[in-house]
């Protein structure tokens, strides 16, 4: 499921760039990092930390 959230954010960032909307932060960078962190914590069975990273997505 986190992969779908990240893909949705990527599509929204592309749409914003196409229509000239200035974003306050790079959601492509932030989302990618949060996805990697979520997967890393979930693999280590640290689900509380994984859920915290999931919220950032």
PDB file of N, CA and C in Angstrom:
ATOM      1  N   UNK A   1       0.801  -1.202   0.000  1.00  0.00           N
ATOM      2  CA  UNK A   1       0.000   0.000   0.000  1.00  0.00           C
ATOM      3  C   UNK A   1       0.846   1.270   0.000  1.00  0.00           C
ATOM      4  N   UNK A   2       1.980   1.319   0.729  1.00  0.00           N
ATOM      5  CA  UNK A   2       2.781   2.550   0.688  1.00  0.00           C
ATOM      6  C   UNK A   2       3.285   2.887  -0.705  1.00  0.00           C
ATOM      7  N   UNK A   3       3.540   1.856  -1.503  1.00  0.00           N
ATOM      8  CA  UNK A   3       4.001   2.102  -2.866  1.00  0.00           C
ATOM      9  C   UNK A   3       2.963   2.849  -3.689  1.00  0.00           C
ATOM     10  N   UNK A   4       1.671   2.531  -3.460  1.00  0.00           N
ATOM     11  CA  UNK A   4       0.603   3.220  -4.171  1.00  0.00           C
ATOM     12  C   UNK A   4       0.522   4.682  -3.758  1.00  0.00           C
ATOM     13  N   UNK A   5       0.718   4.943  -2.469  1.00  0.00           N
ATOM     14  CA  UNK A   5       0.691   6.329  -1.994  1.00  0.00           C
ATOM     15  C   UNK A   5       1.817   7.138  -2.626  1.00  0.00           C
ATOM     16  N   UNK A   6       2.999   6.535  -2.673  1.00  0.00           N
ATOM     17  CA  UNK A   6       4.140   7.237  -3.251  1.00  0.00           C
ATOM     18  C   UNK A   6       3.917   7.499  -4.739  1.00  0.00           C
ATOM     19  N   UNK A   7       3.359   6.518  -5.449  1.00  0.00           N
ATOM     20  CA  UNK A   7       3.105   6.697  -6.880  1.00  0.00           C
ATOM     21  C   UNK A   7       2.075   7.797  -7.105  1.00  0.00           C
ATOM     22  N   UNK A   8       1.052   7.854  -6.253  1.00  0.00           N
ATOM     23  CA  UNK A   8       0.056   8.910  -6.357  1.00  0.00           C
ATOM     24  C   UNK A   8       0.667  10.286  -6.154  1.00  0.00           C
ATOM     25  N   UNK A   9       1.576  10.392  -5.192  1.00  0.00           N
ATOM     26  CA  UNK A   9       2.249  11.671  -4.956  1.00  0.00           C
ATOM     27  C   UNK A   9       3.111  12.063  -6.151  1.00  0.00           C
ATOM     28  N   UNK A  10       3.777  11.084  -6.753  1.00  0.00           N
ATOM     29  CA  UNK A  10       4.609  11.370  -7.924  1.00  0.00           C
ATOM     30  C   UNK A  10       3.761  11.919  -9.068  1.00  0.00           C
ATOM     31  N   UNK A  11       2.596  11.321  -9.276  1.00  0.00           N
ATOM     32  CA  UNK A  11       1.712  11.784 -10.348  1.00  0.00           C
ATOM     33  C   UNK A  11       1.220  13.193 -10.062  1.00  0.00           C
ATOM     34  N   UNK A  12       0.873  13.484  -8.808  1.00  0.00           N
ATOM     35  CA  UNK A  12       0.417  14.828  -8.451  1.00  0.00           C
ATOM     36  C   UNK A  12       1.518  15.868  -8.624  1.00  0.00           C
ATOM     37  N   UNK A  13       2.762  15.497  -8.319  1.00  0.00           N
ATOM     38  CA  UNK A  13       3.888  16.414  -8.510  1.00  0.00           C
ATOM     39  C   UNK A  13       4.067  16.716 -10.000  1.00  0.00           C
ATOM     40  N   UNK A  14       3.941  15.687 -10.841  1.00  0.00           N
ATOM     41  CA  UNK A  14       4.060  15.898 -12.283  1.00  0.00           C
ATOM     42  C   UNK A  14       2.960  16.813 -12.805  1.00  0.00           C
ATOM     43  N   UNK A  15       1.728  16.613 -12.316  1.00  0.00           N
ATOM     44  CA  UNK A  15       0.617  17.470 -12.733  1.00  0.00           C
ATOM     45  C   UNK A  15       0.834  18.916 -12.292  1.00  0.00           C
ATOM     46  N   UNK A  16       1.357  19.087 -11.084  1.00  0.00           N
ATOM     47  CA  UNK A  16       1.612  20.441 -10.585  1.00  0.00           C
ATOM     48  C   UNK A  16       2.668  21.138 -11.439  1.00  0.00           C
ATOM     49  N   UNK A  17       3.722  20.400 -11.811  1.00  0.00           N
ATOM     50  CA  UNK A  17       4.759  20.995 -12.644  1.00  0.00           C
ATOM     51  C   UNK A  17       4.219  21.342 -14.021  1.00  0.00           C
ATOM     52  N   UNK A  18       3.382  20.473 -14.565  1.00  0.00           N
ATOM     53  CA  UNK A  18       2.828  20.705 -15.889  1.00  0.00           C
ATOM     54  C   UNK A  18       1.941  21.947 -15.919  1.00  0.00           C
ATOM     55  N   UNK A  19       1.229  22.215 -14.836  1.00  0.00           N
ATOM     56  CA  UNK A  19       0.315  23.357 -14.792  1.00  0.00           C
ATOM     57  C   UNK A  19       0.923  24.585 -14.123  1.00  0.00           C
ATOM     58  N   UNK A  20       2.206  24.509 -13.773  1.00  0.00           N
ATOM     59  CA  UNK A  20       2.902  25.669 -13.244  1.00  0.00           C
ATOM     60  C   UNK A  20       2.604  25.997 -11.797  1.00  0.00           C
ATOM     61  N   UNK A  21       2.167  25.011 -11.017  1.00  0.00           N
ATOM     62  CA  UNK A  21       1.892  25.242  -9.598  1.00  0.00           C
ATOM     63  C   UNK A  21       3.197  25.084  -8.831  1.00  0.00           C
ATOM     64  N   UNK A  22       3.533  26.108  -8.057  1.00  0.00           N
ATOM     65  CA  UNK A  22       4.770  26.080  -7.274  1.00  0.00           C
ATOM     66  C   UNK A  22       4.510  25.361  -5.952  1.00  0.00           C
ATOM     67  N   UNK A  23       5.244  24.266  -5.699  1.00  0.00           N
ATOM     68  CA  UNK A  23       5.091  23.516  -4.461  1.00  0.00           C
ATOM     69  C   UNK A  23       6.105  24.012  -3.434  1.00  0.00           C
ATOM     70  N   UNK A  24       5.731  23.949  -2.161  1.00  0.00           N
ATOM     71  CA  UNK A  24       6.601  24.474  -1.114  1.00  0.00           C
ATOM     72  C   UNK A  24       7.726  23.522  -0.760  1.00  0.00           C
ATOM     73  N   UNK A  25       7.545  22.247  -1.019  1.00  0.00           N
ATOM     74  CA  UNK A  25       8.638  21.302  -0.798  1.00  0.00           C
ATOM     75  C   UNK A  25       8.594  20.241  -1.898  1.00  0.00           C
ATOM     76  N   UNK A  26       9.706  19.578  -2.069  1.00  0.00           N
ATOM     77  CA  UNK A  26       9.788  18.569  -3.115  1.00  0.00           C
ATOM     78  C   UNK A  26       9.179  17.270  -2.593  1.00  0.00           C
ATOM     79  N   UNK A  27       7.925  17.047  -2.908  1.00  0.00           N
ATOM     80  CA  UNK A  27       7.246  15.849  -2.428  1.00  0.00           C
ATOM     81  C   UNK A  27       7.804  14.595  -3.065  1.00  0.00           C
ATOM     82  N   UNK A  28       8.418  14.731  -4.226  1.00  0.00           N
ATOM     83  CA  UNK A  28       9.039  13.568  -4.856  1.00  0.00           C
ATOM     84  C   UNK A  28      10.196  13.080  -3.994  1.00  0.00           C
ATOM     85  N   UNK A  29      11.008  13.994  -3.492  1.00  0.00           N
ATOM     86  CA  UNK A  29      12.159  13.614  -2.666  1.00  0.00           C
ATOM     87  C   UNK A  29      11.712  13.131  -1.297  1.00  0.00           C
ATOM     88  N   UNK A  30      10.808  13.882  -0.657  1.00  0.00           N
ATOM     89  CA  UNK A  30      10.358  13.550   0.693  1.00  0.00           C
ATOM     90  C   UNK A  30       9.621  12.215   0.691  1.00  0.00           C
ATOM     91  N   UNK A  31       8.756  12.005  -0.310  1.00  0.00           N
ATOM     92  CA  UNK A  31       7.984  10.771  -0.370  1.00  0.00           C
ATOM     93  C   UNK A  31       8.840   9.553  -0.624  1.00  0.00           C
ATOM     94  N   UNK A  32       9.825   9.691  -1.479  1.00  0.00           N
ATOM     95  CA  UNK A  32      10.712   8.571  -1.777  1.00  0.00           C
ATOM     96  C   UNK A  32      11.483   8.151  -0.534  1.00  0.00           C
ATOM     97  N   UNK A  33      11.974   9.130   0.226  1.00  0.00           N
ATOM     98  CA  UNK A  33      12.719   8.826   1.445  1.00  0.00           C
ATOM     99  C   UNK A  33      11.816   8.171   2.489  1.00  0.00           C
ATOM    100  N   UNK A  34      10.575   8.661   2.628  1.00  0.00           N
ATOM    101  CA  UNK A  34       9.643   8.085   3.605  1.00  0.00           C
ATOM    102  C   UNK A  34       9.282   6.656   3.222  1.00  0.00           C
ATOM    103  N   UNK A  35       9.139   6.388   1.931  1.00  0.00           N
ATOM    104  CA  UNK A  35       8.834   5.027   1.479  1.00  0.00           C
ATOM    105  C   UNK A  35       9.978   4.075   1.811  1.00  0.00           C
ATOM    106  N   UNK A  36      11.201   4.507   1.559  1.00  0.00           N
ATOM    107  CA  UNK A  36      12.368   3.663   1.861  1.00  0.00           C
ATOM    108  C   UNK A  36      12.454   3.393   3.355  1.00  0.00           C
ATOM    109  N   UNK A  37      12.231   4.436   4.172  1.00  0.00           N
ATOM    110  CA  UNK A  37      12.284   4.269   5.622  1.00  0.00           C
ATOM    111  C   UNK A  37      11.195   3.309   6.091  1.00  0.00           C
ATOM    112  N   UNK A  38       9.984   3.444   5.549  1.00  0.00           N
ATOM    113  CA  UNK A  38       8.888   2.560   5.948  1.00  0.00           C
ATOM    114  C   UNK A  38       9.234   1.105   5.653  1.00  0.00           C
ATOM    115  N   UNK A  39       9.749   0.852   4.471  1.00  0.00           N
ATOM    116  CA  UNK A  39      10.085  -0.520   4.101  1.00  0.00           C
ATOM    117  C   UNK A  39      11.206  -1.072   4.968  1.00  0.00           C
ATOM    118  N   UNK A  40      12.168  -0.234   5.287  1.00  0.00           N
ATOM    119  CA  UNK A  40      13.294  -0.673   6.110  1.00  0.00           C
ATOM    120  C   UNK A  40      12.832  -1.022   7.525  1.00  0.00           C
ATOM    121  N   UNK A  41      11.989  -0.172   8.116  1.00  0.00           N
ATOM    122  CA  UNK A  41      11.495  -0.441   9.464  1.00  0.00           C
ATOM    123  C   UNK A  41      10.582  -1.660   9.488  1.00  0.00           C
ATOM    124  N   UNK A  42       9.729  -1.820   8.471  1.00  0.00           N
ATOM    125  CA  UNK A  42       8.813  -2.954   8.441  1.00  0.00           C
ATOM    126  C   UNK A  42       9.593  -4.267   8.306  1.00  0.00           C
ATOM    127  N   UNK A  43      10.654  -4.255   7.539  1.00  0.00           N
ATOM    128  CA  UNK A  43      11.467  -5.460   7.379  1.00  0.00           C
ATOM    129  C   UNK A  43      12.123  -5.858   8.692  1.00  0.00           C
ATOM    130  N   UNK A  44      12.495  -4.861   9.499  1.00  0.00           N
ATOM    131  CA  UNK A  44      13.133  -5.122  10.785  1.00  0.00           C
ATOM    132  C   UNK A  44      12.112  -5.357  11.888  1.00  0.00           C
ATOM    133  N   UNK A  45      10.823  -5.426  11.528  1.00  0.00           N
ATOM    134  CA  UNK A  45       9.716  -5.653  12.456  1.00  0.00           C
ATOM    135  C   UNK A  45       9.607  -4.559  13.512  1.00  0.00           C
ATOM    136  N   UNK A  46       9.938  -3.347  13.129  1.00  0.00           N
ATOM    137  CA  UNK A  46       9.781  -2.174  13.999  1.00  0.00           C
ATOM    138  C   UNK A  46       8.566  -1.410  13.495  1.00  0.00           C
ATOM    139  N   UNK A  47       7.385  -1.961  13.805  1.00  0.00           N
ATOM    140  CA  UNK A  47       6.168  -1.487  13.161  1.00  0.00           C
ATOM    141  C   UNK A  47       5.726  -0.116  13.652  1.00  0.00           C
ATOM    142  N   UNK A  48       6.065   0.255  14.878  1.00  0.00           N
ATOM    143  CA  UNK A  48       5.708   1.594  15.358  1.00  0.00           C
ATOM    144  C   UNK A  48       6.454   2.651  14.557  1.00  0.00           C
ATOM    145  N   UNK A  49       7.727   2.439  14.351  1.00  0.00           N
ATOM    146  CA  UNK A  49       8.507   3.375  13.544  1.00  0.00           C
ATOM    147  C   UNK A  49       8.066   3.339  12.086  1.00  0.00           C
ATOM    148  N   UNK A  50       7.704   2.147  11.597  1.00  0.00           N
ATOM    149  CA  UNK A  50       7.233   2.024  10.218  1.00  0.00           C
ATOM    150  C   UNK A  50       5.941   2.810  10.026  1.00  0.00           C
ATOM    151  N   UNK A  51       5.056   2.771  11.003  1.00  0.00           N
ATOM    152  CA  UNK A  51       3.804   3.524  10.899  1.00  0.00           C
ATOM    153  C   UNK A  51       4.056   5.021  10.933  1.00  0.00           C
ATOM    154  N   UNK A  52       5.058   5.466  11.670  1.00  0.00           N
ATOM    155  CA  UNK A  52       5.409   6.881  11.694  1.00  0.00           C
ATOM    156  C   UNK A  52       5.907   7.334  10.328  1.00  0.00           C
ATOM    157  N   UNK A  53       6.711   6.510   9.680  1.00  0.00           N
ATOM    158  CA  UNK A  53       7.189   6.835   8.329  1.00  0.00           C
ATOM    159  C   UNK A  53       6.033   6.773   7.325  1.00  0.00           C
ATOM    160  N   UNK A  54       5.082   5.877   7.580  1.00  0.00           N
ATOM    161  CA  UNK A  54       3.929   5.732   6.704  1.00  0.00           C
ATOM    162  C   UNK A  54       3.049   6.980   6.754  1.00  0.00           C
ATOM    163  N   UNK A  55       2.962   7.617   7.914  1.00  0.00           N
ATOM    164  CA  UNK A  55       2.158   8.827   8.053  1.00  0.00           C
ATOM    165  C   UNK A  55       2.720   9.975   7.227  1.00  0.00           C
ATOM    166  N   UNK A  56       4.057   9.996   7.069  1.00  0.00           N
ATOM    167  CA  UNK A  56       4.646  11.064   6.262  1.00  0.00           C
ATOM    168  C   UNK A  56       4.269  10.921   4.797  1.00  0.00           C
ATOM    169  N   UNK A  57       4.028   9.691   4.377  1.00  0.00           N
ATOM    170  CA  UNK A  57       3.586   9.488   3.003  1.00  0.00           C
ATOM    171  C   UNK A  57       2.213  10.081   2.818  1.00  0.00           C
TER     172      UNK A  57
END
